[in-house]
């Protein structure tokens, strides 16, 4: 991760980070607060900074721009989120991720390093299409690891198939996934590795080839299995600790955090040259068969001549047609 530049506004910092990584597939904003000065009597927690370190490592390995913000006030968190939401990313971007690890409260509130609150709904609203039109087609993934109240979620033995948890209803927001470490009004926990939930999510993102929804479902199961240990108790009350993560998804499709996704638009200059060479070769072969000179296509003539020159040819590689379509769509081929 590029070192943060001193004195830059969040907007300028996002621009600097994105410019420094032109082949990135997406951006991850990672916010972690430890409340070391215990504002408003908030308890110091070491886990968030551990979560942030893991998150940086995971998303950097996936070819992602990483914007790390530690110990941010509520206003600094808002400004950072707004900067990430409103930046105009290129067509290669396949995800925008926001990770928060720290204290939270009931009613959908997370707490800044200064102890001041900011609503989850406010943060998510910054990324809505009406506020971020240019990025409306990019999936947004929100991972919030925090308490959402003071209650200890009780445990009960139920037969397989029994349903004891009613999902929280939130307004739908298009092409987004909002994931919480615990249910509304209940507490989340941390271990020596970081957040019990977030540390597992990050591990799967870095290692799995499953979609983010499948990863979260797998982590739900792992978290439940972890709390089967009778020694896993809340330090303050001595009660058996139980934690139920929750996800609200309006994604328009599956989202995969794969480095291989880079192959589609990894280097448009190299891809354009490679595709041009293959087109020229096929065009010359077609012209030779028809007894004509080399075939050329003007930009204004559309794709009809190009399609004719390609017809009857076995394309080199299954993705060539899609390459041509993409490069023509964005006027990257000089026809």
Protein backbone atom coordinates (compact mmCIF):
# COMPACT_ATOMS: atom_id res chain seq x y z
CA UNK A 1 0.00 0.00 0.00
CA UNK A 2 1.27 3.46 -0.87
CA UNK A 3 2.07 5.52 2.22
CA UNK A 4 -0.55 8.12 3.04
CA UNK A 5 0.48 11.60 2.02
CA UNK A 6 0.52 14.10 4.88
CA UNK A 7 -1.81 17.06 4.55
CA UNK A 8 -3.91 15.82 1.63
CA UNK A 9 -7.69 15.99 1.77
CA UNK A 10 -9.53 12.65 1.47
CA UNK A 11 -10.53 13.59 -2.09
CA UNK A 12 -6.92 14.27 -3.10
CA UNK A 13 -5.71 11.18 -1.26
CA UNK A 14 -8.14 8.94 -3.17
CA UNK A 15 -7.02 10.50 -6.45
CA UNK A 16 -3.37 9.96 -5.55
CA UNK A 17 -3.89 6.34 -4.55
CA UNK A 18 -5.93 5.46 -7.63
CA UNK A 19 -3.39 7.16 -9.93
CA UNK A 20 -0.56 5.20 -8.30
CA UNK A 21 -2.23 1.88 -9.20
CA UNK A 22 -3.59 2.15 -12.77
CA UNK A 23 -4.23 -1.59 -13.13
CA UNK A 24 -6.34 -1.87 -9.96
CA UNK A 25 -9.59 -3.83 -10.04
CA UNK A 26 -11.29 -1.87 -7.28
CA UNK A 27 -10.82 0.16 -4.13
CA UNK A 28 -11.10 -0.80 -0.45
CA UNK A 29 -11.61 1.85 2.22
CA UNK A 30 -10.51 0.35 5.53
CA UNK A 31 -11.42 2.22 8.72
CA UNK A 32 -10.31 0.94 12.13
CA UNK A 33 -10.65 2.71 15.48
CA UNK A 34 -9.12 1.51 18.76
CA UNK A 35 -10.40 4.29 21.12
CA UNK A 36 -7.11 4.32 23.00
CA UNK A 37 -7.98 7.57 24.80
CA UNK A 38 -11.34 6.08 25.81
CA UNK A 39 -13.56 8.97 24.64
CA UNK A 40 -16.99 9.03 26.32
CA UNK A 41 -15.79 6.09 28.45
CA UNK A 42 -15.53 3.82 25.40
CA UNK A 43 -13.43 0.73 26.03
CA UNK A 44 -10.05 0.45 24.29
CA UNK A 45 -10.04 -2.45 21.81
CA UNK A 46 -6.95 -3.84 20.09
CA UNK A 47 -8.77 -5.95 17.51
CA UNK A 48 -9.64 -3.26 14.92
CA UNK A 49 -6.03 -2.42 14.07
CA UNK A 50 -5.30 -6.13 13.66
CA UNK A 51 -8.30 -6.37 11.34
CA UNK A 52 -7.02 -3.40 9.36
CA UNK A 53 -3.59 -4.99 8.89
CA UNK A 54 -5.18 -8.18 7.58
CA UNK A 55 -7.57 -6.27 5.33
CA UNK A 56 -4.75 -4.27 3.76
CA UNK A 57 -2.79 -7.45 3.04
CA UNK A 58 -5.80 -9.28 1.58
CA UNK A 59 -7.04 -6.53 -0.71
CA UNK A 60 -3.58 -5.52 -1.89
CA UNK A 61 -2.98 -9.13 -2.94
CA UNK A 62 -6.16 -8.89 -5.05
CA UNK A 63 -4.95 -5.90 -7.04
CA UNK A 64 -7.05 -3.38 -5.12
CA UNK A 65 -6.38 0.25 -4.27
CA UNK A 66 -6.27 0.38 -0.46
CA UNK A 67 -7.15 3.52 1.47
CA UNK A 68 -6.47 2.90 5.17
CA UNK A 69 -7.84 5.29 7.79
CA UNK A 70 -6.95 4.63 11.43
CA UNK A 71 -8.49 6.24 14.50
CA UNK A 72 -10.76 8.57 12.55
CA UNK A 73 -13.32 10.90 14.05
CA UNK A 74 -16.92 10.62 12.91
CA UNK A 75 -16.45 13.58 10.57
CA UNK A 76 -13.20 12.16 9.16
CA UNK A 77 -14.99 8.86 8.47
CA UNK A 78 -17.78 10.68 6.64
CA UNK A 79 -15.34 12.67 4.51
CA UNK A 80 -13.31 9.57 3.66
CA UNK A 81 -16.42 7.66 2.62
CA UNK A 82 -17.66 10.60 0.57
CA UNK A 83 -14.32 10.89 -1.23
CA UNK A 84 -14.33 7.19 -2.15
CA UNK A 85 -17.98 7.29 -3.21
CA UNK A 86 -17.69 10.32 -5.48
CA UNK A 87 -14.42 9.59 -7.27
CA UNK A 88 -14.92 8.66 -10.93
CA UNK A 89 -13.27 5.25 -11.41
CA UNK A 90 -12.38 3.68 -14.73
CA UNK A 91 -14.31 0.91 -16.45
CA UNK A 92 -12.05 -1.83 -15.09
CA UNK A 93 -13.27 -1.42 -11.53
CA UNK A 94 -15.25 -4.40 -10.31
CA UNK A 95 -15.85 -3.53 -6.66
CA UNK A 96 -15.89 -0.77 -4.07
CA UNK A 97 -15.40 -2.12 -0.54
CA UNK A 98 -15.86 -0.31 2.77
CA UNK A 99 -14.59 -2.07 5.91
CA UNK A 100 -15.19 -0.73 9.41
CA UNK A 101 -13.89 -2.26 12.62
CA UNK A 102 -14.59 -0.58 15.93
CA UNK A 103 -17.36 0.33 18.36
CA UNK A 104 -21.01 0.59 17.39
CA UNK A 105 -24.33 1.16 19.11
CA UNK A 106 -27.97 0.39 18.61
CA UNK A 107 -30.02 2.14 15.92
CA UNK A 108 -27.40 1.59 13.24
CA UNK A 109 -24.68 3.87 14.64
CA UNK A 110 -20.90 3.49 14.47
CA UNK A 111 -18.56 5.54 16.64
CA UNK A 112 -15.60 7.65 15.65
CA UNK A 113 -12.34 7.78 17.54
CA UNK A 114 -13.71 10.93 19.20
CA UNK A 115 -16.74 9.02 20.48
CA UNK A 116 -19.14 10.85 18.18
CA UNK A 117 -21.68 8.81 16.22
CA UNK A 118 -22.29 8.45 12.49
CA UNK A 119 -25.13 6.42 11.04
CA UNK A 120 -24.56 3.34 8.91
CA UNK A 121 -27.45 4.52 6.75
CA UNK A 122 -25.67 7.84 6.15
CA UNK A 123 -22.48 6.08 5.09
CA UNK A 124 -24.34 3.74 2.75
CA UNK A 125 -26.39 6.62 1.30
CA UNK A 126 -23.21 8.32 0.08
CA UNK A 127 -22.75 5.42 -2.35
CA UNK A 128 -26.31 5.39 -3.68
CA UNK A 129 -26.71 6.02 -7.43
CA UNK A 130 -28.29 9.44 -6.90
CA UNK A 131 -25.18 10.56 -5.00
CA UNK A 132 -22.63 8.65 -7.08
CA UNK A 133 -24.07 8.32 -10.60
CA UNK A 134 -20.73 7.64 -12.28
CA UNK A 135 -20.15 4.55 -10.11
CA UNK A 136 -23.72 3.23 -10.08
CA UNK A 137 -22.81 0.02 -11.95
CA UNK A 138 -19.93 -0.91 -9.63
CA UNK A 139 -20.98 -3.30 -6.80
CA UNK A 140 -20.45 -1.92 -3.31
CA UNK A 141 -19.59 -4.22 -0.42
CA UNK A 142 -19.86 -2.98 3.19
CA UNK A 143 -18.33 -5.01 6.03
CA UNK A 144 -19.18 -3.63 9.49
CA UNK A 145 -17.59 -5.41 12.46
CA UNK A 146 -18.98 -3.75 15.57
CA UNK A 147 -21.48 -4.10 18.38
CA UNK A 148 -25.01 -3.08 17.46
CA UNK A 149 -26.32 -2.86 21.02
CA UNK A 150 -25.61 -4.10 24.54
CA UNK A 151 -27.64 -7.29 24.61
CA UNK A 152 -25.97 -10.69 24.74
CA UNK A 153 -27.68 -12.83 22.13
CA UNK A 154 -29.08 -15.81 24.01
CA UNK A 155 -28.52 -19.37 22.90
CA UNK A 156 -31.01 -22.21 22.67
CA UNK A 157 -30.85 -25.79 21.46
CA UNK A 158 -33.19 -26.30 18.50
CA UNK A 159 -33.79 -29.17 16.09
CA UNK A 160 -32.19 -28.89 12.65
CA UNK A 161 -34.25 -26.65 10.42
CA UNK A 162 -35.62 -24.62 13.32
CA UNK A 163 -35.72 -20.84 12.78
CA UNK A 164 -35.10 -18.55 15.76
CA UNK A 165 -33.69 -15.43 14.12
CA UNK A 166 -35.80 -12.87 12.30
CA UNK A 167 -33.74 -10.82 9.82
CA UNK A 168 -33.71 -7.07 10.22
CA UNK A 169 -35.61 -5.22 7.49
CA UNK A 170 -33.78 -2.29 5.87
CA UNK A 171 -34.64 -0.23 2.79
CA UNK A 172 -33.28 -1.82 -0.37
CA UNK A 173 -30.39 -0.06 -2.06
CA UNK A 174 -29.41 -1.22 -5.53
CA UNK A 175 -26.28 -3.25 -6.25
CA UNK A 176 -24.97 -3.27 -2.71
CA UNK A 177 -24.21 -5.77 0.01
CA UNK A 178 -24.24 -4.62 3.63
CA UNK A 179 -22.83 -7.14 6.08
CA UNK A 180 -22.77 -6.82 9.86
CA UNK A 181 -20.85 -8.91 12.36
CA UNK A 182 -23.93 -9.31 14.54
CA UNK A 183 -27.68 -8.77 14.69
CA UNK A 184 -29.24 -5.44 15.60
CA UNK A 185 -29.15 -4.57 19.32
CA UNK A 186 -26.60 -7.31 20.12
CA UNK A 187 -22.90 -7.35 20.84
CA UNK A 188 -20.01 -8.52 18.67
CA UNK A 189 -16.80 -10.01 20.07
CA UNK A 190 -13.10 -10.06 19.33
CA UNK A 191 -10.35 -12.58 19.88
CA UNK A 192 -6.57 -12.30 19.93
CA UNK A 193 -6.62 -12.38 16.11
CA UNK A 194 -9.08 -9.50 15.77
CA UNK A 195 -12.82 -9.47 15.28
CA UNK A 196 -14.30 -12.96 15.58
CA UNK A 197 -16.31 -12.36 12.38
CA UNK A 198 -14.17 -9.99 10.30
CA UNK A 199 -10.93 -11.94 10.73
CA UNK A 200 -12.65 -15.00 9.24
CA UNK A 201 -14.22 -13.02 6.39
CA UNK A 202 -10.85 -11.55 5.41
CA UNK A 203 -9.20 -14.98 5.53
CA UNK A 204 -11.77 -16.39 3.10
CA UNK A 205 -11.57 -13.38 0.75
CA UNK A 206 -7.81 -13.87 0.53
CA UNK A 207 -7.98 -17.62 -0.10
CA UNK A 208 -11.32 -18.60 -1.63
CA UNK A 209 -12.66 -18.40 -5.17
CA UNK A 210 -16.26 -18.27 -3.97
CA UNK A 211 -18.55 -15.27 -4.33
CA UNK A 212 -18.74 -12.83 -1.44
CA UNK A 213 -22.24 -14.06 -0.60
CA UNK A 214 -21.04 -17.67 -0.37
CA UNK A 215 -18.07 -16.54 1.74
CA UNK A 216 -20.34 -14.76 4.20
CA UNK A 217 -22.59 -17.81 4.46
CA UNK A 218 -19.57 -20.01 5.17
CA UNK A 219 -18.37 -17.58 7.84
CA UNK A 220 -21.83 -17.62 9.44
CA UNK A 221 -21.39 -21.35 9.93
CA UNK A 222 -17.82 -20.97 11.23
CA UNK A 223 -18.83 -18.31 13.75
CA UNK A 224 -21.63 -20.53 15.01
CA UNK A 225 -19.22 -23.45 15.35
CA UNK A 226 -16.74 -21.29 17.26
CA UNK A 227 -19.35 -20.44 19.89
CA UNK A 228 -20.07 -24.12 20.56
CA UNK A 229 -17.01 -24.02 22.82
CA UNK A 230 -18.43 -23.75 26.40
CA UNK A 231 -15.40 -21.67 27.37
CA UNK A 232 -16.34 -18.97 24.85
CA UNK A 233 -18.03 -16.62 27.34
CA UNK A 234 -18.52 -12.90 27.56
CA UNK A 235 -15.80 -11.53 29.82
CA UNK A 236 -18.09 -8.97 31.43
CA UNK A 237 -21.18 -11.04 32.24
CA UNK A 238 -19.87 -14.59 32.18
CA UNK A 239 -22.71 -15.57 29.83
CA UNK A 240 -22.21 -18.01 26.99
CA UNK A 241 -21.22 -15.83 24.03
CA UNK A 242 -23.22 -16.17 20.82
CA UNK A 243 -22.91 -14.02 17.73
CA UNK A 244 -25.11 -14.10 14.61
CA UNK A 245 -23.81 -12.16 11.57
CA UNK A 246 -26.33 -10.60 9.23
CA UNK A 247 -26.27 -9.60 5.55
CA UNK A 248 -28.61 -7.48 3.43
CA UNK A 249 -27.94 -7.86 -0.29
CA UNK A 250 -29.33 -6.10 -3.33
CA UNK A 251 -26.42 -7.11 -5.55
CA UNK A 252 -27.25 -7.53 -9.22
CA UNK A 253 -24.98 -10.55 -9.57
CA UNK A 254 -22.19 -12.51 -7.94
CA UNK A 255 -19.04 -10.66 -6.89
CA UNK A 256 -15.73 -12.53 -6.84
CA UNK A 257 -12.49 -11.18 -5.41
CA UNK A 258 -10.15 -12.88 -7.89
CA UNK A 259 -6.81 -11.72 -9.21
CA UNK A 260 -7.60 -13.61 -12.45
CA UNK A 261 -10.34 -11.09 -13.18
CA UNK A 262 -7.50 -8.74 -14.07
CA UNK A 263 -6.86 -10.71 -17.27
CA UNK A 264 -9.93 -9.23 -18.96
CA UNK A 265 -8.75 -5.62 -18.96
CA UNK A 266 -5.26 -5.95 -17.50
CA UNK A 267 -3.41 -3.79 -20.00
CA UNK A 268 -5.58 -2.21 -22.64
CA UNK A 269 -2.63 -1.07 -24.78
CA UNK A 270 -1.12 -4.56 -24.98
CA UNK A 271 -4.56 -6.11 -25.48
CA UNK A 272 -5.38 -3.64 -28.25
CA UNK A 273 -2.09 -4.36 -30.07
CA UNK A 274 -2.56 -8.12 -29.75
CA UNK A 275 -6.13 -7.92 -31.02
CA UNK A 276 -5.13 -5.63 -33.90
CA UNK A 277 -2.44 -8.10 -34.98
CA UNK A 278 -4.93 -10.95 -34.99
CA UNK A 279 -7.50 -8.87 -36.89
CA UNK A 280 -4.93 -7.83 -39.51
CA UNK A 281 -3.83 -11.42 -39.99
CA UNK A 282 -7.40 -12.64 -40.45
CA UNK A 283 -8.21 -9.71 -42.73
CA UNK A 284 -5.27 -10.52 -44.98
CA UNK A 285 -6.25 -14.18 -45.07
CA UNK A 286 -9.83 -13.25 -45.99
CA UNK A 287 -8.64 -10.88 -48.70
CA UNK A 288 -6.34 -13.52 -50.15
CA UNK A 289 -9.20 -16.00 -50.35
CA UNK A 290 -11.41 -13.43 -52.09
CA UNK A 291 -8.64 -12.31 -54.40
CA UNK A 292 -8.78 -8.73 -53.13
CA UNK A 293 -6.26 -6.45 -51.49
CA UNK A 294 -6.14 -5.83 -47.74
CA UNK A 295 -9.48 -5.04 -46.14
CA UNK A 296 -9.79 -1.78 -44.23
CA UNK A 297 -12.69 -0.45 -42.23
CA UNK A 298 -13.31 3.23 -41.57
CA UNK A 299 -14.55 4.38 -38.20
CA UNK A 300 -17.78 5.72 -39.72
CA UNK A 301 -18.60 2.51 -41.55
CA UNK A 302 -19.55 0.68 -38.38
CA UNK A 303 -18.80 -2.98 -37.79
CA UNK A 304 -20.36 -4.55 -40.90
CA UNK A 305 -17.13 -4.95 -42.87
CA UNK A 306 -15.30 -6.12 -39.77
CA UNK A 307 -17.92 -8.78 -39.14
CA UNK A 308 -17.66 -9.95 -42.76
CA UNK A 309 -13.89 -10.22 -42.58
CA UNK A 310 -14.22 -12.33 -39.44
CA UNK A 311 -16.98 -14.58 -40.71
CA UNK A 312 -15.82 -18.08 -41.52
CA UNK A 313 -12.65 -17.74 -39.48
CA UNK A 314 -11.81 -19.72 -36.42
CA UNK A 315 -11.01 -17.13 -33.80
CA UNK A 316 -7.74 -17.45 -31.94
CA UNK A 317 -8.85 -18.06 -28.38
CA UNK A 318 -12.39 -18.14 -27.04
CA UNK A 319 -12.24 -14.59 -25.71
CA UNK A 320 -11.19 -12.77 -28.86
CA UNK A 321 -14.72 -11.87 -29.90
CA UNK A 322 -15.37 -10.36 -26.46
CA UNK A 323 -12.07 -8.47 -26.64
CA UNK A 324 -13.03 -7.00 -30.02
CA UNK A 325 -16.49 -6.08 -28.79
CA UNK A 326 -15.07 -4.33 -25.70
CA UNK A 327 -12.37 -2.45 -27.60
CA UNK A 328 -14.79 -1.31 -30.31
CA UNK A 329 -17.36 -0.30 -27.70
CA UNK A 330 -14.93 2.11 -26.08
CA UNK A 331 -13.32 3.21 -29.39
CA UNK A 332 -9.97 1.66 -28.59
CA UNK A 333 -9.49 0.12 -32.05
CA UNK A 334 -8.56 2.63 -34.81
CA UNK A 335 -11.20 1.65 -37.38
